[in-house]
Amino acid sequence: MSLTGRWVLIKSEDSGSRKTDHQNQPSDVILNIRKNGYFIVYDTFVDPKWRKKGLPLIQERTSGQWKLEDSLLTMIHDEKDTSYSEQFKVIRCDGTELVTERSNKKTTIYRTYGRK
C-alpha cells in the first residue's frame, strides 16, 4: 500500500449519511503525502474565473509529518506555535483510490480521494 503521492478529495460522508461532493468546485483539495515523511494539504483553484482574479493558485491549509503503522495513519499538523495530531484508519488504498475513516465522539467521517 503506497500512500505517497498527490490525492484529490472527491467526496466526504459522515455516519449520519451527510454527503459532500468535492468535485466541480472552484478549487480542488489536494493531499500531498511525500516519501520523506511530510505532508501538505492545500486548495488549488481550477475555475478559470478565479484564476483571472489574480488569486494565488495554491492556498495552503495545513502541513506536517505523517506515519503509517498497519492501517493507522497519523498526521501531526504543524501550526505557528503548536502542533496537533489526527489519526485516520485507512479503509482502502490502491493505485487510484484512498479511503480514510476518522472518528470522534459525535460522528465518523469517511473521505475518498482519487490519484491526482
C-alpha atoms as a PDB file:
ATOM      1  CA  MET A   1       0.000   0.000   0.000  1.00  0.00           C
ATOM      2  CA  SER A   2       1.644   3.215  -1.137  1.00  0.00           C
ATOM      3  CA  LEU A   3       0.122   6.386   0.276  1.00  0.00           C
ATOM      4  CA  THR A   4       2.767   8.649  -1.214  1.00  0.00           C
ATOM      5  CA  GLY A   5       1.767  10.998  -3.993  1.00  0.00           C
ATOM      6  CA  ARG A   6      -0.866  13.617  -4.642  1.00  0.00           C
ATOM      7  CA  TRP A   7      -4.504  12.801  -3.870  1.00  0.00           C
ATOM      8  CA  VAL A   8      -7.525  14.961  -4.698  1.00  0.00           C
ATOM      9  CA  LEU A   9     -10.521  14.924  -2.341  1.00  0.00           C
ATOM     10  CA  ILE A  10     -13.537  13.543  -4.228  1.00  0.00           C
ATOM     11  CA  LYS A  11     -16.184  13.152  -1.536  1.00  0.00           C
ATOM     12  CA  SER A  12     -16.723  13.023   2.204  1.00  0.00           C
ATOM     13  CA  GLU A  13     -19.512  11.346   4.118  1.00  0.00           C
ATOM     14  CA  ASP A  14     -20.345  11.121   7.801  1.00  0.00           C
ATOM     15  CA  SER A  15     -22.096   8.394   9.751  1.00  0.00           C
ATOM     16  CA  GLY A  16     -25.310  10.454   9.566  1.00  0.00           C
ATOM     17  CA  SER A  17     -25.205   9.896   5.792  1.00  0.00           C
ATOM     18  CA  ARG A  18     -24.484  13.554   5.041  1.00  0.00           C
ATOM     19  CA  LYS A  19     -22.517  13.517   1.806  1.00  0.00           C
ATOM     20  CA  THR A  20     -20.396  16.269   0.338  1.00  0.00           C
ATOM     21  CA  ASP A  21     -19.286  16.104  -3.287  1.00  0.00           C
ATOM     22  CA  HIS A  22     -15.982  17.936  -3.651  1.00  0.00           C
ATOM     23  CA  GLN A  23     -15.851  17.713  -7.440  1.00  0.00           C
ATOM     24  CA  ASN A  24     -16.955  20.549  -9.731  1.00  0.00           C
ATOM     25  CA  GLN A  25     -15.986  23.168  -7.136  1.00  0.00           C
ATOM     26  CA  PRO A  26     -13.920  26.315  -7.844  1.00  0.00           C
ATOM     27  CA  SER A  27     -10.973  24.586  -6.152  1.00  0.00           C
ATOM     28  CA  ASP A  28      -9.680  21.077  -5.505  1.00  0.00           C
ATOM     29  CA  VAL A  29      -8.462  19.975  -2.081  1.00  0.00           C
ATOM     30  CA  ILE A  30      -5.128  18.203  -2.528  1.00  0.00           C
ATOM     31  CA  LEU A  31      -3.446  15.902  -0.007  1.00  0.00           C
ATOM     32  CA  ASN A  32       0.218  15.553  -0.946  1.00  0.00           C
ATOM     33  CA  ILE A  33       1.914  12.758   1.008  1.00  0.00           C
ATOM     34  CA  ARG A  34       5.665  12.761   0.455  1.00  0.00           C
ATOM     35  CA  LYS A  35       8.083   9.860   0.824  1.00  0.00           C
ATOM     36  CA  ASN A  36      10.223  11.882   3.249  1.00  0.00           C
ATOM     37  CA  GLY A  37       7.518  11.708   5.942  1.00  0.00           C
ATOM     38  CA  TYR A  38       5.973  15.145   5.340  1.00  0.00           C
ATOM     39  CA  PHE A  39       2.536  16.074   4.013  1.00  0.00           C
ATOM     40  CA  ILE A  40       0.742  19.211   2.863  1.00  0.00           C
ATOM     41  CA  VAL A  41      -2.980  19.834   2.372  1.00  0.00           C
ATOM     42  CA  TYR A  42      -3.859  22.706   0.059  1.00  0.00           C
ATOM     43  CA  ASP A  43      -6.537  24.137  -2.214  1.00  0.00           C
ATOM     44  CA  THR A  44      -5.710  24.619  -5.850  1.00  0.00           C
ATOM     45  CA  PHE A  45      -8.026  26.768  -7.952  1.00  0.00           C
ATOM     46  CA  VAL A  46      -9.364  25.059 -11.056  1.00  0.00           C
ATOM     47  CA  ASP A  47     -12.103  27.513 -12.048  1.00  0.00           C
ATOM     48  CA  PRO A  48     -10.805  29.816 -14.823  1.00  0.00           C
ATOM     49  CA  LYS A  49     -12.809  32.744 -13.357  1.00  0.00           C
ATOM     50  CA  TRP A  50     -10.841  32.502 -10.097  1.00  0.00           C
ATOM     51  CA  ARG A  51      -7.575  32.415 -11.996  1.00  0.00           C
ATOM     52  CA  LYS A  52      -8.486  35.638 -13.807  1.00  0.00           C
ATOM     53  CA  LYS A  53      -8.985  37.370 -10.447  1.00  0.00           C
ATOM     54  CA  GLY A  54      -5.253  37.080  -9.857  1.00  0.00           C
ATOM     55  CA  LEU A  55      -5.574  34.985  -6.721  1.00  0.00           C
ATOM     56  CA  PRO A  56      -2.722  32.624  -5.852  1.00  0.00           C
ATOM     57  CA  LEU A  57      -3.463  29.264  -7.425  1.00  0.00           C
ATOM     58  CA  ILE A  58      -2.435  27.357  -4.313  1.00  0.00           C
ATOM     59  CA  GLN A  59      -3.698  28.128  -0.808  1.00  0.00           C
ATOM     60  CA  GLU A  60      -2.127  26.016   1.947  1.00  0.00           C
ATOM     61  CA  ARG A  61      -4.483  24.629   4.616  1.00  0.00           C
ATOM     62  CA  THR A  62      -2.110  22.597   6.786  1.00  0.00           C
ATOM     63  CA  SER A  63       1.147  20.654   6.728  1.00  0.00           C
ATOM     64  CA  GLY A  64       3.263  18.465   8.947  1.00  0.00           C
ATOM     65  CA  GLN A  65       4.587  14.943   9.329  1.00  0.00           C
ATOM     66  CA  TRP A  66       2.882  11.604   8.783  1.00  0.00           C
ATOM     67  CA  LYS A  67       3.456   7.966   9.661  1.00  0.00           C
ATOM     68  CA  LEU A  68       1.632   4.750   8.834  1.00  0.00           C
ATOM     69  CA  GLU A  69       1.502   1.759  11.169  1.00  0.00           C
ATOM     70  CA  ASP A  70      -0.560  -1.135   9.809  1.00  0.00           C
ATOM     71  CA  SER A  71      -3.722   0.689   8.660  1.00  0.00           C
ATOM     72  CA  LEU A  72      -3.431   3.593  11.127  1.00  0.00           C
ATOM     73  CA  LEU A  73      -2.356   6.877   9.535  1.00  0.00           C
ATOM     74  CA  THR A  74      -1.157   9.528  11.993  1.00  0.00           C
ATOM     75  CA  MET A  75      -0.827  13.108  10.772  1.00  0.00           C
ATOM     76  CA  ILE A  76       0.930  15.613  13.030  1.00  0.00           C
ATOM     77  CA  HIS A  77      -0.035  19.109  11.919  1.00  0.00           C
ATOM     78  CA  ASP A  78       2.440  21.959  12.465  1.00  0.00           C
ATOM     79  CA  GLU A  79       0.900  25.319  13.304  1.00  0.00           C
ATOM     80  CA  LYS A  80       2.611  28.561  14.313  1.00  0.00           C
ATOM     81  CA  ASP A  81       3.472  27.805  17.944  1.00  0.00           C
ATOM     82  CA  THR A  82       1.852  24.404  18.391  1.00  0.00           C
ATOM     83  CA  SER A  83       1.078  21.094  16.770  1.00  0.00           C
ATOM     84  CA  TYR A  84      -1.791  18.639  16.934  1.00  0.00           C
ATOM     85  CA  SER A  85      -2.275  15.054  15.869  1.00  0.00           C
ATOM     86  CA  GLU A  86      -5.046  13.360  13.877  1.00  0.00           C
ATOM     87  CA  GLN A  87      -5.465   9.635  13.366  1.00  0.00           C
ATOM     88  CA  PHE A  88      -7.207   8.006  10.427  1.00  0.00           C
ATOM     89  CA  LYS A  89      -7.917   4.392   9.618  1.00  0.00           C
ATOM     90  CA  VAL A  90      -7.026   3.609   6.015  1.00  0.00           C
ATOM     91  CA  ILE A  91     -10.012   1.637   4.720  1.00  0.00           C
ATOM     92  CA  ARG A  92      -8.691   1.209   1.194  1.00  0.00           C
ATOM     93  CA  CYS A  93      -5.639   2.333  -0.728  1.00  0.00           C
ATOM     94  CA  ASP A  94      -4.954   1.073  -4.216  1.00  0.00           C
ATOM     95  CA  GLY A  95      -3.381   2.731  -7.210  1.00  0.00           C
ATOM     96  CA  THR A  96      -6.340   5.012  -7.866  1.00  0.00           C
ATOM     97  CA  GLU A  97      -8.306   5.494  -4.635  1.00  0.00           C
ATOM     98  CA  LEU A  98      -7.616   6.275  -0.974  1.00  0.00           C
ATOM     99  CA  VAL A  99     -10.454   5.967   1.560  1.00  0.00           C
ATOM    100  CA  THR A 100      -9.950   7.082   5.170  1.00  0.00           C
ATOM    101  CA  GLU A 101     -12.116   6.918   8.280  1.00  0.00           C
ATOM    102  CA  ARG A 102     -11.848   9.285  11.233  1.00  0.00           C
ATOM    103  CA  SER A 103     -13.956   9.002  14.361  1.00  0.00           C
ATOM    104  CA  ASN A 104     -14.604  11.412  17.180  1.00  0.00           C
ATOM    105  CA  LYS A 105     -17.157  11.361  19.981  1.00  0.00           C
ATOM    106  CA  LYS A 106     -20.009  12.550  17.764  1.00  0.00           C
ATOM    107  CA  THR A 107     -19.513  11.060  14.316  1.00  0.00           C
ATOM    108  CA  THR A 108     -17.390   9.068  11.893  1.00  0.00           C
ATOM    109  CA  ILE A 109     -16.220  10.773   8.713  1.00  0.00           C
ATOM    110  CA  TYR A 110     -15.179   8.907   5.587  1.00  0.00           C
ATOM    111  CA  ARG A 111     -13.109  10.694   2.947  1.00  0.00           C
ATOM    112  CA  THR A 112     -12.483   9.392  -0.552  1.00  0.00           C
ATOM    113  CA  TYR A 113      -9.501  10.654  -2.540  1.00  0.00           C
ATOM    114  CA  GLY A 114      -8.525   9.949  -6.139  1.00  0.00           C
ATOM    115  CA  ARG A 115      -4.984   9.890  -7.506  1.00  0.00           C
ATOM    116  CA  LYS A 116      -4.010  13.305  -8.888  1.00  0.00           C
END
